[in-house]
Amino acid sequence: NYVYEMVGKYSDILENKNENHHPEKIFNRGYS
């Protein structure tokens, strides 16, 4: 699920789609 969400996030970015993926809600120890 994490892999799908993270890949989907970057796929949306590269295709200039509205981002609709939230990998930080699957795994989160803080992000930078």
ModelCIF file with pLDDT and N, C-alpha, C, O atoms, coordinates in Angstrom:
data_MODEL
#
_entry.id   MODEL 
#
_entity.id                         1 
_entity.type                       polymer 
_entity.pdbx_number_of_molecules   1 
#
_entity_poly.entity_id                      1 
_entity_poly.type                           'polypeptide(L)' 
_entity_poly.nstd_linkage                   no 
_entity_poly.nstd_monomer                   no 
_entity_poly.pdbx_seq_one_letter_code       NYVYEMVGKYSDILENKNENHHPEKIFNRGYS 
_entity_poly.pdbx_seq_one_letter_code_can   NYVYEMVGKYSDILENKNENHHPEKIFNRGYS 
_entity_poly.pdbx_strand_id                 A 
#
loop_
_entity_poly_seq.entity_id 
_entity_poly_seq.num 
_entity_poly_seq.mon_id 
_entity_poly_seq.hetero 
1 1  ASN n 
1 2  TYR n 
1 3  VAL n 
1 4  TYR n 
1 5  GLU n 
1 6  MET n 
1 7  VAL n 
1 8  GLY n 
1 9  LYS n 
1 10 TYR n 
1 11 SER n 
1 12 ASP n 
1 13 ILE n 
1 14 LEU n 
1 15 GLU n 
1 16 ASN n 
1 17 LYS n 
1 18 ASN n 
1 19 GLU n 
1 20 ASN n 
1 21 HIS n 
1 22 HIS n 
1 23 PRO n 
1 24 GLU n 
1 25 LYS n 
1 26 ILE n 
1 27 PHE n 
1 28 ASN n 
1 29 ARG n 
1 30 GLY n 
1 31 TYR n 
1 32 SER n 
#
_struct_asym.id          A 
_struct_asym.entity_id   1 
#
loop_
_ma_qa_metric.id 
_ma_qa_metric.mode 
_ma_qa_metric.name 
_ma_qa_metric.software_group_id 
_ma_qa_metric.type 
1 global pLDDT . pLDDT 
2 local  pLDDT . pLDDT 
#
_ma_qa_metric_global.metric_id      1 
_ma_qa_metric_global.metric_value   94.97 
_ma_qa_metric_global.model_id       1 
_ma_qa_metric_global.ordinal_id     1 
#
loop_
_ma_qa_metric_local.label_asym_id 
_ma_qa_metric_local.label_comp_id 
_ma_qa_metric_local.label_seq_id 
_ma_qa_metric_local.metric_id 
_ma_qa_metric_local.metric_value 
_ma_qa_metric_local.model_id 
_ma_qa_metric_local.ordinal_id 
A ASN 1  2 97.00 1 1  
A TYR 2  2 97.00 1 2  
A VAL 3  2 97.00 1 3  
A TYR 4  2 97.00 1 4  
A GLU 5  2 97.00 1 5  
A MET 6  2 97.00 1 6  
A VAL 7  2 97.00 1 7  
A GLY 8  2 97.00 1 8  
A LYS 9  2 97.00 1 9  
A TYR 10 2 98.00 1 10 
A SER 11 2 97.00 1 11 
A ASP 12 2 96.00 1 12 
A ILE 13 2 97.00 1 13 
A LEU 14 2 97.00 1 14 
A GLU 15 2 95.00 1 15 
A ASN 16 2 94.00 1 16 
A LYS 17 2 93.00 1 17 
A ASN 18 2 88.00 1 18 
A GLU 19 2 81.00 1 19 
A ASN 20 2 89.00 1 20 
A HIS 21 2 95.00 1 21 
A HIS 22 2 95.00 1 22 
A PRO 23 2 96.00 1 23 
A GLU 24 2 95.00 1 24 
A LYS 25 2 96.00 1 25 
A ILE 26 2 96.00 1 26 
A PHE 27 2 96.00 1 27 
A ASN 28 2 95.00 1 28 
A ARG 29 2 93.00 1 29 
A GLY 30 2 94.00 1 30 
A TYR 31 2 95.00 1 31 
A SER 32 2 95.00 1 32 
#
loop_
_atom_site.group_PDB 
_atom_site.id 
_atom_site.type_symbol 
_atom_site.label_atom_id 
_atom_site.label_alt_id 
_atom_site.label_comp_id 
_atom_site.label_asym_id 
_atom_site.label_entity_id 
_atom_site.label_seq_id 
_atom_site.pdbx_PDB_ins_code 
_atom_site.Cartn_x 
_atom_site.Cartn_y 
_atom_site.Cartn_z 
_atom_site.occupancy 
_atom_site.B_iso_or_equiv 
_atom_site.pdbx_formal_charge 
_atom_site.auth_seq_id 
_atom_site.auth_comp_id 
_atom_site.auth_asym_id 
_atom_site.auth_atom_id 
_atom_site.pdbx_PDB_model_num 
ATOM 1   N N  . ASN A 1 1  ? 0.824  -1.207 0.000   1.00 97.00 ? 1  ASN A N  1 
ATOM 2   C CA . ASN A 1 1  ? 0.000  0.000  0.000   1.00 97.00 ? 1  ASN A CA 1 
ATOM 3   C C  . ASN A 1 1  ? 0.860  1.259  0.000   1.00 97.00 ? 1  ASN A C  1 
ATOM 4   O O  . ASN A 1 1  ? 0.553  2.231  -0.690  1.00 97.00 ? 1  ASN A O  1 
ATOM 5   N N  . TYR A 1 2  ? 1.945  1.233  0.785   1.00 97.00 ? 2  TYR A N  1 
ATOM 6   C CA . TYR A 1 2  ? 2.871  2.366  0.811   1.00 97.00 ? 2  TYR A CA 1 
ATOM 7   C C  . TYR A 1 2  ? 3.510  2.555  -0.563  1.00 97.00 ? 2  TYR A C  1 
ATOM 8   O O  . TYR A 1 2  ? 3.579  3.670  -1.080  1.00 97.00 ? 2  TYR A O  1 
ATOM 9   N N  . VAL A 1 3  ? 3.973  1.456  -1.142  1.00 97.00 ? 3  VAL A N  1 
ATOM 10  C CA . VAL A 1 3  ? 4.620  1.540  -2.452  1.00 97.00 ? 3  VAL A CA 1 
ATOM 11  C C  . VAL A 1 3  ? 3.653  2.117  -3.483  1.00 97.00 ? 3  VAL A C  1 
ATOM 12  O O  . VAL A 1 3  ? 4.027  2.996  -4.259  1.00 97.00 ? 3  VAL A O  1 
ATOM 13  N N  . TYR A 1 4  ? 2.431  1.635  -3.494  1.00 97.00 ? 4  TYR A N  1 
ATOM 14  C CA . TYR A 1 4  ? 1.431  2.130  -4.452  1.00 97.00 ? 4  TYR A CA 1 
ATOM 15  C C  . TYR A 1 4  ? 1.197  3.625  -4.262  1.00 97.00 ? 4  TYR A C  1 
ATOM 16  O O  . TYR A 1 4  ? 1.164  4.373  -5.239  1.00 97.00 ? 4  TYR A O  1 
ATOM 17  N N  . GLU A 1 5  ? 1.035  4.063  -3.028  1.00 97.00 ? 5  GLU A N  1 
ATOM 18  C CA . GLU A 1 5  ? 0.754  5.482  -2.772  1.00 97.00 ? 5  GLU A CA 1 
ATOM 19  C C  . GLU A 1 5  ? 1.935  6.376  -3.154  1.00 97.00 ? 5  GLU A C  1 
ATOM 20  O O  . GLU A 1 5  ? 1.749  7.445  -3.736  1.00 97.00 ? 5  GLU A O  1 
ATOM 21  N N  . MET A 1 6  ? 3.150  5.933  -2.821  1.00 97.00 ? 6  MET A N  1 
ATOM 22  C CA . MET A 1 6  ? 4.310  6.771  -3.109  1.00 97.00 ? 6  MET A CA 1 
ATOM 23  C C  . MET A 1 6  ? 4.555  6.857  -4.613  1.00 97.00 ? 6  MET A C  1 
ATOM 24  O O  . MET A 1 6  ? 4.841  7.934  -5.137  1.00 97.00 ? 6  MET A O  1 
ATOM 25  N N  . VAL A 1 7  ? 4.444  5.732  -5.303  1.00 97.00 ? 7  VAL A N  1 
ATOM 26  C CA . VAL A 1 7  ? 4.613  5.754  -6.758  1.00 97.00 ? 7  VAL A CA 1 
ATOM 27  C C  . VAL A 1 7  ? 3.509  6.605  -7.393  1.00 97.00 ? 7  VAL A C  1 
ATOM 28  O O  . VAL A 1 7  ? 3.768  7.395  -8.300  1.00 97.00 ? 7  VAL A O  1 
ATOM 29  N N  . GLY A 1 8  ? 2.280  6.434  -6.906  1.00 97.00 ? 8  GLY A N  1 
ATOM 30  C CA . GLY A 1 8  ? 1.167  7.224  -7.436  1.00 97.00 ? 8  GLY A CA 1 
ATOM 31  C C  . GLY A 1 8  ? 1.368  8.706  -7.256  1.00 97.00 ? 8  GLY A C  1 
ATOM 32  O O  . GLY A 1 8  ? 1.003  9.501  -8.123  1.00 97.00 ? 8  GLY A O  1 
ATOM 33  N N  . LYS A 1 9  ? 1.951  9.084  -6.131  1.00 97.00 ? 9  LYS A N  1 
ATOM 34  C CA . LYS A 1 9  ? 2.221  10.507 -5.878  1.00 97.00 ? 9  LYS A CA 1 
ATOM 35  C C  . LYS A 1 9  ? 3.125  11.081 -6.961  1.00 97.00 ? 9  LYS A C  1 
ATOM 36  O O  . LYS A 1 9  ? 2.840  12.144 -7.512  1.00 97.00 ? 9  LYS A O  1 
ATOM 37  N N  . TYR A 1 10 ? 4.221  10.375 -7.269  1.00 98.00 ? 10 TYR A N  1 
ATOM 38  C CA . TYR A 1 10 ? 5.170  10.903 -8.251  1.00 98.00 ? 10 TYR A CA 1 
ATOM 39  C C  . TYR A 1 10 ? 4.666  10.757 -9.681  1.00 98.00 ? 10 TYR A C  1 
ATOM 40  O O  . TYR A 1 10 ? 5.013  11.555 -10.551 1.00 98.00 ? 10 TYR A O  1 
ATOM 41  N N  . SER A 1 11 ? 3.856  9.747  -9.920  1.00 97.00 ? 11 SER A N  1 
ATOM 42  C CA . SER A 1 11 ? 3.227  9.625  -11.236 1.00 97.00 ? 11 SER A CA 1 
ATOM 43  C C  . SER A 1 11 ? 2.306  10.809 -11.490 1.00 97.00 ? 11 SER A C  1 
ATOM 44  O O  . SER A 1 11 ? 2.302  11.367 -12.587 1.00 97.00 ? 11 SER A O  1 
ATOM 45  N N  . ASP A 1 12 ? 1.528  11.195 -10.486 1.00 96.00 ? 12 ASP A N  1 
ATOM 46  C CA . ASP A 1 12 ? 0.646  12.367 -10.612 1.00 96.00 ? 12 ASP A CA 1 
ATOM 47  C C  . ASP A 1 12 ? 1.449  13.639 -10.871 1.00 96.00 ? 12 ASP A C  1 
ATOM 48  O O  . ASP A 1 12 ? 1.074  14.465 -11.703 1.00 96.00 ? 12 ASP A O  1 
ATOM 49  N N  . ILE A 1 13 ? 2.557  13.785 -10.148 1.00 97.00 ? 13 ILE A N  1 
ATOM 50  C CA . ILE A 1 13 ? 3.386  14.984 -10.314 1.00 97.00 ? 13 ILE A CA 1 
ATOM 51  C C  . ILE A 1 13 ? 3.918  15.074 -11.742 1.00 97.00 ? 13 ILE A C  1 
ATOM 52  O O  . ILE A 1 13 ? 3.841  16.126 -12.377 1.00 97.00 ? 13 ILE A O  1 
ATOM 53  N N  . LEU A 1 14 ? 4.460  13.961 -12.242 1.00 97.00 ? 14 LEU A N  1 
ATOM 54  C CA . LEU A 1 14 ? 5.056  13.991 -13.579 1.00 97.00 ? 14 LEU A CA 1 
ATOM 55  C C  . LEU A 1 14 ? 4.011  14.157 -14.677 1.00 97.00 ? 14 LEU A C  1 
ATOM 56  O O  . LEU A 1 14 ? 4.316  14.670 -15.754 1.00 97.00 ? 14 LEU A O  1 
ATOM 57  N N  . GLU A 1 15 ? 2.787  13.729 -14.411 1.00 95.00 ? 15 GLU A N  1 
ATOM 58  C CA . GLU A 1 15 ? 1.717  13.876 -15.402 1.00 95.00 ? 15 GLU A CA 1 
ATOM 59  C C  . GLU A 1 15 ? 0.889  15.141 -15.173 1.00 95.00 ? 15 GLU A C  1 
ATOM 60  O O  . GLU A 1 15 ? -0.127 15.363 -15.831 1.00 95.00 ? 15 GLU A O  1 
ATOM 61  N N  . ASN A 1 16 ? 1.353  15.980 -14.209 1.00 94.00 ? 16 ASN A N  1 
ATOM 62  C CA . ASN A 1 16 ? 0.672  17.248 -13.887 1.00 94.00 ? 16 ASN A CA 1 
ATOM 63  C C  . ASN A 1 16 ? -0.792 17.048 -13.509 1.00 94.00 ? 16 ASN A C  1 
ATOM 64  O O  . ASN A 1 16 ? -1.657 17.849 -13.865 1.00 94.00 ? 16 ASN A O  1 
ATOM 65  N N  . LYS A 1 17 ? -1.050 15.966 -12.784 1.00 93.00 ? 17 LYS A N  1 
ATOM 66  C CA . LYS A 1 17 ? -2.389 15.720 -12.262 1.00 93.00 ? 17 LYS A CA 1 
ATOM 67  C C  . LYS A 1 17 ? -2.487 16.260 -10.841 1.00 93.00 ? 17 LYS A C  1 
ATOM 68  O O  . LYS A 1 17 ? -1.471 16.461 -10.175 1.00 93.00 ? 17 LYS A O  1 
ATOM 69  N N  . ASN A 1 18 ? -3.711 16.495 -10.379 1.00 88.00 ? 18 ASN A N  1 
ATOM 70  C CA . ASN A 1 18 ? -3.900 16.846 -8.982  1.00 88.00 ? 18 ASN A CA 1 
ATOM 71  C C  . ASN A 1 18 ? -3.500 15.663 -8.118  1.00 88.00 ? 18 ASN A C  1 
ATOM 72  O O  . ASN A 1 18 ? -3.969 14.545 -8.330  1.00 88.00 ? 18 ASN A O  1 
ATOM 73  N N  . GLU A 1 19 ? -2.640 15.909 -7.153  1.00 81.00 ? 19 GLU A N  1 
ATOM 74  C CA . GLU A 1 19 ? -2.165 14.820 -6.305  1.00 81.00 ? 19 GLU A CA 1 
ATOM 75  C C  . GLU A 1 19 ? -3.297 14.294 -5.427  1.00 81.00 ? 19 GLU A C  1 
ATOM 76  O O  . GLU A 1 19 ? -3.988 15.057 -4.752  1.00 81.00 ? 19 GLU A O  1 
ATOM 77  N N  . ASN A 1 20 ? -3.469 12.995 -5.454  1.00 89.00 ? 20 ASN A N  1 
ATOM 78  C CA . ASN A 1 20 ? -4.522 12.375 -4.660  1.00 89.00 ? 20 ASN A CA 1 
ATOM 79  C C  . ASN A 1 20 ? -3.984 11.147 -3.934  1.00 89.00 ? 20 ASN A C  1 
ATOM 80  O O  . ASN A 1 20 ? -4.706 10.176 -3.708  1.00 89.00 ? 20 ASN A O  1 
ATOM 81  N N  . HIS A 1 21 ? -2.698 11.208 -3.571  1.00 95.00 ? 21 HIS A N  1 
ATOM 82  C CA . HIS A 1 21 ? -2.057 10.091 -2.885  1.00 95.00 ? 21 HIS A CA 1 
ATOM 83  C C  . HIS A 1 21 ? -1.420 10.601 -1.596  1.00 95.00 ? 21 HIS A C  1 
ATOM 84  O O  . HIS A 1 21 ? -0.876 11.705 -1.557  1.00 95.00 ? 21 HIS A O  1 
ATOM 85  N N  . HIS A 1 22 ? -1.491 9.801  -0.556  1.00 95.00 ? 22 HIS A N  1 
ATOM 86  C CA . HIS A 1 22 ? -1.028 10.239 0.761   1.00 95.00 ? 22 HIS A CA 1 
ATOM 87  C C  . HIS A 1 22 ? -0.177 9.160  1.426   1.00 95.00 ? 22 HIS A C  1 
ATOM 88  O O  . HIS A 1 22 ? -0.622 8.524  2.381   1.00 95.00 ? 22 HIS A O  1 
ATOM 89  N N  . PRO A 1 23 ? 1.042  8.948  0.931   1.00 96.00 ? 23 PRO A N  1 
ATOM 90  C CA . PRO A 1 23 ? 1.901  7.914  1.525   1.00 96.00 ? 23 PRO A CA 1 
ATOM 91  C C  . PRO A 1 23 ? 2.227  8.188  2.988   1.00 96.00 ? 23 PRO A C  1 
ATOM 92  O O  . PRO A 1 23 ? 2.482  7.256  3.751   1.00 96.00 ? 23 PRO A O  1 
ATOM 93  N N  . GLU A 1 24 ? 2.221  9.457  3.385   1.00 95.00 ? 24 GLU A N  1 
ATOM 94  C CA . GLU A 1 24 ? 2.525  9.796  4.777   1.00 95.00 ? 24 GLU A CA 1 
ATOM 95  C C  . GLU A 1 24 ? 1.472  9.258  5.737   1.00 95.00 ? 24 GLU A C  1 
ATOM 96  O O  . GLU A 1 24 ? 1.715  9.181  6.942   1.00 95.00 ? 24 GLU A O  1 
ATOM 97  N N  . LYS A 1 25 ? 0.298  8.883  5.213   1.00 96.00 ? 25 LYS A N  1 
ATOM 98  C CA . LYS A 1 25 ? -0.742 8.288  6.055   1.00 96.00 ? 25 LYS A CA 1 
ATOM 99  C C  . LYS A 1 25 ? -0.599 6.770  6.159   1.00 96.00 ? 25 LYS A C  1 
ATOM 100 O O  . LYS A 1 25 ? -1.301 6.125  6.937   1.00 96.00 ? 25 LYS A O  1 
ATOM 101 N N  . ILE A 1 26 ? 0.305  6.213  5.377   1.00 96.00 ? 26 ILE A N  1 
ATOM 102 C CA . ILE A 1 26 ? 0.581  4.778  5.427   1.00 96.00 ? 26 ILE A CA 1 
ATOM 103 C C  . ILE A 1 26 ? 1.771  4.495  6.328   1.00 96.00 ? 26 ILE A C  1 
ATOM 104 O O  . ILE A 1 26 ? 1.736  3.581  7.152   1.00 96.00 ? 26 ILE A O  1 
ATOM 105 N N  . PHE A 1 27 ? 2.827  5.288  6.166   1.00 96.00 ? 27 PHE A N  1 
ATOM 106 C CA . PHE A 1 27 ? 4.034  5.134  6.991   1.00 96.00 ? 27 PHE A CA 1 
ATOM 107 C C  . PHE A 1 27 ? 4.574  6.525  7.283   1.00 96.00 ? 27 PHE A C  1 
ATOM 108 O O  . PHE A 1 27 ? 4.748  7.335  6.373   1.00 96.00 ? 27 PHE A O  1 
ATOM 109 N N  . ASN A 1 28 ? 4.842  6.800  8.573   1.00 95.00 ? 28 ASN A N  1 
ATOM 110 C CA . ASN A 1 28 ? 5.242  8.164  8.919   1.00 95.00 ? 28 ASN A CA 1 
ATOM 111 C C  . ASN A 1 28 ? 6.115  8.171  10.165  1.00 95.00 ? 28 ASN A C  1 
ATOM 112 O O  . ASN A 1 28 ? 5.642  7.917  11.273  1.00 95.00 ? 28 ASN A O  1 
ATOM 113 N N  . ARG A 1 29 ? 7.394  8.467  9.969   1.00 93.00 ? 29 ARG A N  1 
ATOM 114 C CA . ARG A 1 29 ? 8.259  8.766  11.112  1.00 93.00 ? 29 ARG A CA 1 
ATOM 115 C C  . ARG A 1 29 ? 8.781  10.200 10.981  1.00 93.00 ? 29 ARG A C  1 
ATOM 116 O O  . ARG A 1 29 ? 9.848  10.551 11.484  1.00 93.00 ? 29 ARG A O  1 
ATOM 117 N N  . GLY A 1 30 ? 7.980  11.010 10.284  1.00 94.00 ? 30 GLY A N  1 
ATOM 118 C CA . GLY A 1 30 ? 8.387  12.366 9.971   1.00 94.00 ? 30 GLY A CA 1 
ATOM 119 C C  . GLY A 1 30 ? 9.019  12.403 8.597   1.00 94.00 ? 30 GLY A C  1 
ATOM 120 O O  . GLY A 1 30 ? 9.681  11.451 8.185   1.00 94.00 ? 30 GLY A O  1 
ATOM 121 N N  . TYR A 1 31 ? 8.815  13.514 7.879   1.00 95.00 ? 31 TYR A N  1 
ATOM 122 C CA . TYR A 1 31 ? 9.369  13.656 6.531   1.00 95.00 ? 31 TYR A CA 1 
ATOM 123 C C  . TYR A 1 31 ? 10.156 14.959 6.407   1.00 95.00 ? 31 TYR A C  1 
ATOM 124 O O  . TYR A 1 31 ? 9.837  15.966 7.039   1.00 95.00 ? 31 TYR A O  1 
ATOM 125 N N  . SER A 1 32 ? 11.180 14.906 5.584   1.00 95.00 ? 32 SER A N  1 
ATOM 126 C CA . SER A 1 32 ? 11.989 16.091 5.295   1.00 95.00 ? 32 SER A CA 1 
ATOM 127 C C  . SER A 1 32 ? 12.337 16.101 3.808   1.00 95.00 ? 32 SER A C  1 
ATOM 128 O O  . SER A 1 32 ? 13.017 17.014 3.339   1.00 95.00 ? 32 SER A O  1 
#
